[in-house]
C-alpha atoms as a PDB file:
ATOM      1  CA  MET A   1      95.554 129.700  61.168  1.00  0.00           C
ATOM      2  CA  LEU A   2      99.299 128.611  61.719  1.00  0.00           C
ATOM      3  CA  THR A   3     100.287 130.192  57.981  1.00  0.00           C
ATOM      4  CA  SER A   4      98.172 133.586  58.600  1.00  0.00           C
ATOM      5  CA  TYR A   5     100.213 135.031  61.748  1.00  0.00           C
ATOM      6  CA  ALA A   6     103.343 136.495  61.070  1.00  0.00           C
ATOM      7  CA  GLY A   7     104.748 135.560  64.372  1.00  0.00           C
ATOM      8  CA  ILE A   8     105.121 131.972  62.932  1.00  0.00           C
ATOM      9  CA  THR A   9     105.662 132.251  59.325  1.00  0.00           C
ATOM     10  CA  ASN A  10     108.639 135.054  60.213  1.00  0.00           C
ATOM     11  CA  ALA A  11     110.485 132.077  62.050  1.00  0.00           C
ATOM     12  CA  ILE A  12     109.178 129.201  59.904  1.00  0.00           C
ATOM     13  CA  PRO A  13     107.950 130.053  56.000  1.00  0.00           C
ATOM     14  CA  ALA A  14     104.640 128.403  55.177  1.00  0.00           C
ATOM     15  CA  ALA A  15     106.185 126.016  52.874  1.00  0.00           C
ATOM     16  CA  ARG A  16     107.551 124.194  55.801  1.00  0.00           C
ATOM     17  CA  ILE A  17     104.391 123.998  57.909  1.00  0.00           C
ATOM     18  CA  SER A  18     102.553 120.787  56.652  1.00  0.00           C
ATOM     19  CA  HIS A  19      99.701 118.510  57.510  1.00  0.00           C
ATOM     20  CA  GLY A  20     101.005 115.122  58.778  1.00  0.00           C
ATOM     21  CA  TYR A  21     104.349 114.926  57.853  1.00  0.00           C
ATOM     22  CA  ARG A  22     107.786 116.452  56.789  1.00  0.00           C
ATOM     23  CA  LEU A  23     110.338 115.340  54.321  1.00  0.00           C
ATOM     24  CA  GLN A  24     112.973 113.684  56.347  1.00  0.00           C
ATOM     25  CA  ASP A  25     115.851 115.859  55.009  1.00  0.00           C
ATOM     26  CA  GLY A  26     113.534 119.071  55.061  1.00  0.00           C
ATOM     27  CA  ILE A  27     115.072 122.351  56.188  1.00  0.00           C
ATOM     28  CA  LEU A  28     114.492 123.017  60.043  1.00  0.00           C
ATOM     29  CA  PRO A  29     112.899 124.617  61.633  1.00  0.00           C
ATOM     30  CA  ALA A  30     109.079 123.298  60.651  1.00  0.00           C
ATOM     31  CA  ILE A  31     105.673 122.314  61.805  1.00  0.00           C
ATOM     32  CA  THR A  32     103.700 119.536  61.233  1.00  0.00           C
ATOM     33  CA  TYR A  33      99.975 119.219  62.678  1.00  0.00           C
ATOM     34  CA  GLU A  34      97.621 116.385  62.884  1.00  0.00           C
ATOM     35  CA  LEU A  35      93.763 116.265  63.542  1.00  0.00           C
ATOM     36  CA  THR A  36      93.199 113.560  65.981  1.00  0.00           C
ATOM     37  CA  ASN A  37      89.706 113.678  66.675  1.00  0.00           C
ATOM     38  CA  VAL A  38      86.242 115.596  65.645  1.00  0.00           C
ATOM     39  CA  VAL A  39      82.914 115.509  67.415  1.00  0.00           C
ATOM     40  CA  GLN A  40      79.924 117.469  67.394  1.00  0.00           C
ATOM     41  CA  GLN A  41      79.217 119.050  71.169  1.00  0.00           C
ATOM     42  CA  SER A  42      75.561 120.421  70.316  1.00  0.00           C
ATOM     43  CA  ILE A  43      72.549 119.167  69.010  1.00  0.00           C
ATOM     44  CA  SER A  44      70.213 122.136  69.524  1.00  0.00           C
ATOM     45  CA  GLY A  45      69.073 124.653  66.632  1.00  0.00           C
ATOM     46  CA  GLY A  46      71.663 127.298  65.138  1.00  0.00           C
ATOM     47  CA  ALA A  47      75.219 126.907  63.975  1.00  0.00           C
ATOM     48  CA  LYS A  48      76.633 123.578  65.284  1.00  0.00           C
ATOM     49  CA  LEU A  49      79.623 123.478  68.020  1.00  0.00           C
ATOM     50  CA  TRP A  50      82.534 121.303  67.179  1.00  0.00           C
ATOM     51  CA  LEU A  51      85.325 119.997  69.172  1.00  0.00           C
ATOM     52  CA  ALA A  52      88.678 119.462  67.007  1.00  0.00           C
ATOM     53  CA  SER A  53      91.578 117.693  68.695  1.00  0.00           C
ATOM     54  CA  VAL A  54      94.680 118.963  67.028  1.00  0.00           C
ATOM     55  CA  GLU A  55      98.400 118.116  67.984  1.00  0.00           C
ATOM     56  CA  ILE A  56     101.025 120.555  66.405  1.00  0.00           C
ATOM     57  CA  THR A  57     104.644 119.492  66.364  1.00  0.00           C
ATOM     58  CA  ILE A  58     107.556 122.227  65.974  1.00  0.00           C
ATOM     59  CA  ILE A  59     110.502 120.513  64.762  1.00  0.00           C
ATOM     60  CA  ALA A  60     114.128 121.835  65.119  1.00  0.00           C
ATOM     61  CA  ALA A  61     117.969 121.117  65.363  1.00  0.00           C
ATOM     62  CA  THR A  62     117.765 121.917  69.128  1.00  0.00           C
ATOM     63  CA  THR A  63     115.137 121.929  72.010  1.00  0.00           C
ATOM     64  CA  LYS A  64     115.603 125.489  72.547  1.00  0.00           C
ATOM     65  CA  ALA A  65     114.989 126.417  69.115  1.00  0.00           C
ATOM     66  CA  ALA A  66     111.784 124.437  68.966  1.00  0.00           C
ATOM     67  CA  LEU A  67     110.650 125.799  72.241  1.00  0.00           C
ATOM     68  CA  ASP A  68     111.433 129.401  71.486  1.00  0.00           C
ATOM     69  CA  VAL A  69     108.681 129.108  68.314  1.00  0.00           C
ATOM     70  CA  LEU A  70     106.041 127.991  71.006  1.00  0.00           C
ATOM     71  CA  PRO A  71     104.714 131.419  72.553  1.00  0.00           C
ATOM     72  CA  ALA A  72     104.040 132.245  68.797  1.00  0.00           C
ATOM     73  CA  LEU A  73     102.314 129.386  68.381  1.00  0.00           C
ATOM     74  CA  LYS A  74     100.012 129.948  70.968  1.00  0.00           C
ATOM     75  CA  ILE A  75      98.984 133.183  69.856  1.00  0.00           C
ATOM     76  CA  ALA A  76      98.396 131.947  66.287  1.00  0.00           C
ATOM     77  CA  CYS A  77      96.222 129.429  67.728  1.00  0.00           C
ATOM     78  CA  GLY A  78      93.995 131.768  69.522  1.00  0.00           C
ATOM     79  CA  ALA A  79      90.189 132.149  69.408  1.00  0.00           C
ATOM     80  CA  GLY A  80      89.142 133.801  65.904  1.00  0.00           C
ATOM     81  CA  GLN A  81      87.594 133.672  62.507  1.00  0.00           C
ATOM     82  CA  TYR A  82      89.559 131.100  60.311  1.00  0.00           C
ATOM     83  CA  ASN A  83      88.222 131.020  56.757  1.00  0.00           C
ATOM     84  CA  LEU A  84      84.278 129.720  57.253  1.00  0.00           C
ATOM     85  CA  ALA A  85      84.884 128.665  60.858  1.00  0.00           C
ATOM     86  CA  GLU A  86      84.629 130.760  64.171  1.00  0.00           C
ATOM     87  CA  PHE A  87      86.825 129.458  66.914  1.00  0.00           C
ATOM     88  CA  GLU A  88      84.863 130.039  70.188  1.00  0.00           C
ATOM     89  CA  ALA A  89      87.579 128.751  72.272  1.00  0.00           C
ATOM     90  CA  VAL A  90      90.852 126.758  72.011  1.00  0.00           C
ATOM     91  CA  ILE A  91      92.329 125.108  75.256  1.00  0.00           C
ATOM     92  CA  TRP A  92      95.563 124.176  75.619  1.00  0.00           C
ATOM     93  CA  ASN A  93      96.187 120.653  76.982  1.00  0.00           C
ATOM     94  CA  GLY A  94     100.001 121.207  77.449  1.00  0.00           C
ATOM     95  CA  HIS A  95     102.980 119.890  75.195  1.00  0.00           C
ATOM     96  CA  THR A  96     105.855 117.378  75.511  1.00  0.00           C
ATOM     97  CA  THR A  97     109.707 118.031  74.825  1.00  0.00           C
ATOM     98  CA  SER A  98     111.719 115.467  72.842  1.00  0.00           C
ATOM     99  CA  ALA A  99     115.431 116.174  73.038  1.00  0.00           C
ATOM    100  CA  ALA A 100     117.613 116.014  69.657  1.00  0.00           C
ATOM    101  CA  VAL A 101     119.393 112.953  68.909  1.00  0.00           C
ATOM    102  CA  VAL A 102     122.767 112.835  68.098  1.00  0.00           C
ATOM    103  CA  GLY A 103     124.505 110.281  66.366  1.00  0.00           C
ATOM    104  CA  GLU A 104     126.006 109.152  62.718  1.00  0.00           C
ATOM    105  CA  GLY A 105     124.058 109.345  59.122  1.00  0.00           C
ATOM    106  CA  ASP A 106     120.154 108.008  59.944  1.00  0.00           C
ATOM    107  CA  GLU A 107     120.992 107.938  63.699  1.00  0.00           C
ATOM    108  CA  GLN A 108     120.022 111.808  64.033  1.00  0.00           C
ATOM    109  CA  GLU A 109     116.910 113.037  65.059  1.00  0.00           C
ATOM    110  CA  PRO A 110     115.695 116.524  65.513  1.00  0.00           C
ATOM    111  CA  ALA A 111     114.198 118.175  68.579  1.00  0.00           C
ATOM    112  CA  GLU A 112     110.466 118.100  68.874  1.00  0.00           C
ATOM    113  CA  VAL A 113     107.660 120.027  70.603  1.00  0.00           C
ATOM    114  CA  THR A 114     104.172 118.429  70.453  1.00  0.00           C
ATOM    115  CA  ALA A 115     101.314 120.630  71.751  1.00  0.00           C
ATOM    116  CA  SER A 116      97.840 119.271  72.251  1.00  0.00           C
ATOM    117  CA  ILE A 117      95.179 121.613  71.786  1.00  0.00           C
ATOM    118  CA  ASP A 118      91.034 121.422  71.687  1.00  0.00           C
ATOM    119  CA  ILE A 119      89.152 123.672  69.360  1.00  0.00           C
ATOM    120  CA  TYR A 120      85.782 124.877  69.935  1.00  0.00           C
ATOM    121  CA  TYR A 121      84.420 126.026  66.739  1.00  0.00           C
ATOM    122  CA  ARG A 122      81.198 126.556  64.792  1.00  0.00           C
ATOM    123  CA  ASP A 123      80.860 126.143  61.165  1.00  0.00           C
END
């Protein structure tokens, strides 16, 4: 879903969107995502309803640069059809912001904005 929305890939090429981690010396901005929990929500007939909790982190040189990607991220993660899953609802639980750390050599860290979302889908 992240790499299929031009609002994201115009700002961050698909090659810099990865699951779980990014290379420390990789080009910024970048996005990482992590699936933190998947739970079945229904037991009745038909397609099962699932809840997936996801954390998506935008990594950039500055806090402003990371926050500038957030509106596109919200659009990219909307309800709809993705591969074989039908996203029925996407609930935004908020985001946290970590400012860049300025220092010498390996003491430097980029800014990060981490969004927490819950996705209800049927497979």
